[in-house]
C-alpha atoms as a PDB file:
ATOM      1  CA  MET A   1      15.082  38.248  15.706  1.00  0.00           C
ATOM      2  CA  PRO A   2      14.855  39.348  12.077  1.00  0.00           C
ATOM      3  CA  GLU A   3      18.106  39.551  10.036  1.00  0.00           C
ATOM      4  CA  ALA A   4      19.192  42.466   8.127  1.00  0.00           C
ATOM      5  CA  PRO A   5      17.902  42.332   4.625  1.00  0.00           C
ATOM      6  CA  ASP A   6      21.272  43.150   2.980  1.00  0.00           C
ATOM      7  CA  VAL A   7      24.908  43.501   3.558  1.00  0.00           C
ATOM      8  CA  SER A   8      25.091  47.361   4.175  1.00  0.00           C
ATOM      9  CA  THR A   9      22.154  47.274   6.418  1.00  0.00           C
ATOM     10  CA  ALA A  10      23.651  44.426   8.383  1.00  0.00           C
ATOM     11  CA  TRP A  11      26.882  46.380   8.896  1.00  0.00           C
ATOM     12  CA  SER A  12      24.994  49.540   9.941  1.00  0.00           C
ATOM     13  CA  TRP A  13      22.764  47.663  12.509  1.00  0.00           C
ATOM     14  CA  LEU A  14      25.866  46.165  14.240  1.00  0.00           C
ATOM     15  CA  LEU A  15      27.933  49.354  14.071  1.00  0.00           C
ATOM     16  CA  GLU A  16      24.910  51.341  15.548  1.00  0.00           C
ATOM     17  CA  ARG A  17      24.071  48.489  18.029  1.00  0.00           C
ATOM     18  CA  LYS A  18      20.518  48.705  16.951  1.00  0.00           C
ATOM     19  CA  PRO A  19      18.326  47.205  19.668  1.00  0.00           C
ATOM     20  CA  GLY A  20      17.167  43.667  18.596  1.00  0.00           C
ATOM     21  CA  THR A  21      20.237  43.130  16.398  1.00  0.00           C
ATOM     22  CA  ARG A  22      22.112  39.899  16.961  1.00  0.00           C
ATOM     23  CA  GLY A  23      25.153  40.657  19.216  1.00  0.00           C
ATOM     24  CA  ALA A  24      24.031  44.257  19.826  1.00  0.00           C
ATOM     25  CA  THR A  25      24.528  43.861  23.608  1.00  0.00           C
ATOM     26  CA  GLN A  26      27.914  42.356  23.468  1.00  0.00           C
ATOM     27  CA  ASP A  27      30.586  45.023  24.222  1.00  0.00           C
ATOM     28  CA  SER A  28      33.494  42.926  22.968  1.00  0.00           C
ATOM     29  CA  LEU A  29      31.704  42.666  19.555  1.00  0.00           C
ATOM     30  CA  LEU A  30      31.768  46.218  18.663  1.00  0.00           C
ATOM     31  CA  ALA A  31      35.634  46.577  18.382  1.00  0.00           C
ATOM     32  CA  VAL A  32      35.825  43.472  16.087  1.00  0.00           C
ATOM     33  CA  VAL A  33      32.977  44.759  13.834  1.00  0.00           C
ATOM     34  CA  GLU A  34      34.616  48.216  13.605  1.00  0.00           C
ATOM     35  CA  ALA A  35      37.801  46.654  12.573  1.00  0.00           C
ATOM     36  CA  ALA A  36      36.466  44.265  10.099  1.00  0.00           C
ATOM     37  CA  HIS A  37      34.156  46.988   8.621  1.00  0.00           C
ATOM     38  CA  ALA A  38      37.506  48.992   7.828  1.00  0.00           C
ATOM     39  CA  GLU A  39      38.687  46.145   5.623  1.00  0.00           C
ATOM     40  CA  PRO A  40      37.099  46.597   2.169  1.00  0.00           C
ATOM     41  CA  ARG A  41      36.933  42.753   1.455  1.00  0.00           C
ATOM     42  CA  LEU A  42      35.061  42.003   4.719  1.00  0.00           C
ATOM     43  CA  ARG A  43      32.731  44.957   4.341  1.00  0.00           C
ATOM     44  CA  SER A  44      31.377  43.386   1.000  1.00  0.00           C
ATOM     45  CA  LEU A  45      30.411  40.339   3.096  1.00  0.00           C
ATOM     46  CA  TYR A  46      27.426  39.781   5.336  1.00  0.00           C
ATOM     47  CA  PRO A  47      28.571  40.036   8.912  1.00  0.00           C
ATOM     48  CA  PHE A  48      26.805  37.437  11.194  1.00  0.00           C
ATOM     49  CA  PRO A  49      27.574  37.335  14.842  1.00  0.00           C
ATOM     50  CA  THR A  50      26.622  34.049  16.732  1.00  0.00           C
ATOM     51  CA  HIS A  51      27.733  32.290  19.878  1.00  0.00           C
ATOM     52  CA  GLY A  52      30.845  34.639  20.424  1.00  0.00           C
ATOM     53  CA  THR A  53      31.943  34.620  16.987  1.00  0.00           C
ATOM     54  CA  LEU A  54      31.743  36.908  14.074  1.00  0.00           C
ATOM     55  CA  HIS A  55      31.151  35.061  10.624  1.00  0.00           C
ATOM     56  CA  PHE A  56      31.400  36.518   7.122  1.00  0.00           C
ATOM     57  CA  LEU A  57      28.802  35.188   4.751  1.00  0.00           C
ATOM     58  CA  ARG A  58      28.802  35.166   1.056  1.00  0.00           C
ATOM     59  CA  SER A  59      25.383  36.653   0.768  1.00  0.00           C
ATOM     60  CA  ALA A  60      22.373  38.150   2.708  1.00  0.00           C
ATOM     61  CA  PRO A  61      19.539  35.990   3.739  1.00  0.00           C
ATOM     62  CA  PRO A  62      17.719  33.835   2.800  1.00  0.00           C
ATOM     63  CA  TRP A  63      20.590  31.398   2.681  1.00  0.00           C
ATOM     64  CA  ALA A  64      19.677  28.605   0.271  1.00  0.00           C
ATOM     65  CA  GLU A  65      23.079  27.761  -0.688  1.00  0.00           C
ATOM     66  CA  PRO A  66      25.001  25.311   1.299  1.00  0.00           C
ATOM     67  CA  ASN A  67      28.344  27.072   1.062  1.00  0.00           C
ATOM     68  CA  HIS A  68      27.286  30.604   2.202  1.00  0.00           C
ATOM     69  CA  ASP A  69      29.143  30.124   5.524  1.00  0.00           C
ATOM     70  CA  ASN A  70      32.374  28.450   4.501  1.00  0.00           C
ATOM     71  CA  LEU A  71      34.822  31.350   5.178  1.00  0.00           C
ATOM     72  CA  PRO A  72      37.016  32.089   8.098  1.00  0.00           C
ATOM     73  CA  PHE A  73      35.698  33.813  11.248  1.00  0.00           C
ATOM     74  CA  ILE A  74      36.659  35.438  14.310  1.00  0.00           C
ATOM     75  CA  LEU A  75      36.153  34.357  17.897  1.00  0.00           C
ATOM     76  CA  TYR A  76      35.693  37.841  19.432  1.00  0.00           C
ATOM     77  CA  GLY A  77      36.034  37.275  23.069  1.00  0.00           C
ATOM     78  CA  GLY A  78      39.774  38.279  23.271  1.00  0.00           C
ATOM     79  CA  PRO A  79      42.372  39.463  23.205  1.00  0.00           C
ATOM     80  CA  PRO A  80      43.726  37.202  21.975  1.00  0.00           C
ATOM     81  CA  TYR A  81      41.288  36.953  19.070  1.00  0.00           C
ATOM     82  CA  LYS A  82      41.196  33.398  17.447  1.00  0.00           C
ATOM     83  CA  ILE A  83      40.564  33.100  13.765  1.00  0.00           C
ATOM     84  CA  TYR A  84      39.159  29.696  12.442  1.00  0.00           C
ATOM     85  CA  THR A  85      38.307  28.233   9.268  1.00  0.00           C
ATOM     86  CA  SER A  86      34.724  27.208   8.781  1.00  0.00           C
ATOM     87  CA  GLY A  87      33.158  24.774  11.313  1.00  0.00           C
ATOM     88  CA  TYR A  88      36.150  25.196  13.587  1.00  0.00           C
ATOM     89  CA  ALA A  89      38.139  22.870  11.312  1.00  0.00           C
ATOM     90  CA  ASP A  90      41.448  24.643  11.806  1.00  0.00           C
ATOM     91  CA  LEU A  91      42.766  27.530  13.793  1.00  0.00           C
ATOM     92  CA  LEU A  92      44.380  29.914  11.538  1.00  0.00           C
ATOM     93  CA  GLY A  93      45.937  32.092  14.147  1.00  0.00           C
ATOM     94  CA  GLU A  94      45.647  34.353  17.095  1.00  0.00           C
ATOM     95  CA  ALA A  95      45.687  38.173  17.077  1.00  0.00           C
ATOM     96  CA  GLY A  96      46.342  40.646  19.697  1.00  0.00           C
ATOM     97  CA  THR A  97      43.965  43.291  18.319  1.00  0.00           C
ATOM     98  CA  PRO A  98      40.706  43.401  16.433  1.00  0.00           C
ATOM     99  CA  GLU A  99      42.518  44.861  13.531  1.00  0.00           C
ATOM    100  CA  GLU A 100      45.082  42.085  13.317  1.00  0.00           C
ATOM    101  CA  ALA A 101      42.191  39.590  13.410  1.00  0.00           C
ATOM    102  CA  ALA A 102      40.223  41.277  10.489  1.00  0.00           C
ATOM    103  CA  ALA A 103      43.465  41.274   8.487  1.00  0.00           C
ATOM    104  CA  LEU A 104      44.150  37.599   9.243  1.00  0.00           C
ATOM    105  CA  VAL A 105      40.679  36.784   7.973  1.00  0.00           C
ATOM    106  CA  VAL A 106      41.268  38.796   4.791  1.00  0.00           C
ATOM    107  CA  CYS A 107      44.556  36.887   4.248  1.00  0.00           C
ATOM    108  CA  HIS A 108      42.818  33.647   4.334  1.00  0.00           C
ATOM    109  CA  LEU A 109      39.828  34.780   2.093  1.00  0.00           C
ATOM    110  CA  PRO A 110      39.439  33.127  -1.399  1.00  0.00           C
ATOM    111  CA  PRO A 111      40.031  35.291  -4.655  1.00  0.00           C
ATOM    112  CA  VAL A 112      37.365  37.836  -5.127  1.00  0.00           C
ATOM    113  CA  GLN A 113      35.719  36.032  -7.992  1.00  0.00           C
ATOM    114  CA  GLY A 114      35.019  33.073  -5.804  1.00  0.00           C
ATOM    115  CA  LEU A 115      33.855  34.929  -2.750  1.00  0.00           C
ATOM    116  CA  LEU A 116      30.523  36.522  -3.319  1.00  0.00           C
ATOM    117  CA  ARG A 117      27.328  34.716  -4.442  1.00  0.00           C
ATOM    118  CA  GLU A 118      24.547  36.637  -6.014  1.00  0.00           C
END
């Protein structure tokens, strides 16, 4: 399946549940996507659902940089929603709502200048 070409399109496709979009058929994903999209810092990242998780990538595809996916992510099958560091290295916490999960990710993001890659 083709990936969205840029950050805003990726969010739009997820919010609209565009057929053929990764995760579009997962009912439990939509609430998490809506909550994450409401957070300006997360909205600036590329949303990437895969295997029951919503990752936040530093850039849109193609992904040539090795650290494009080293940010916290949400395991969206909750509640509770679990928030992990990249690669499931550490459980950062659990949240009772998608909004709390998104806020917890934001709390663990690096400063803005170290967040995005052009």
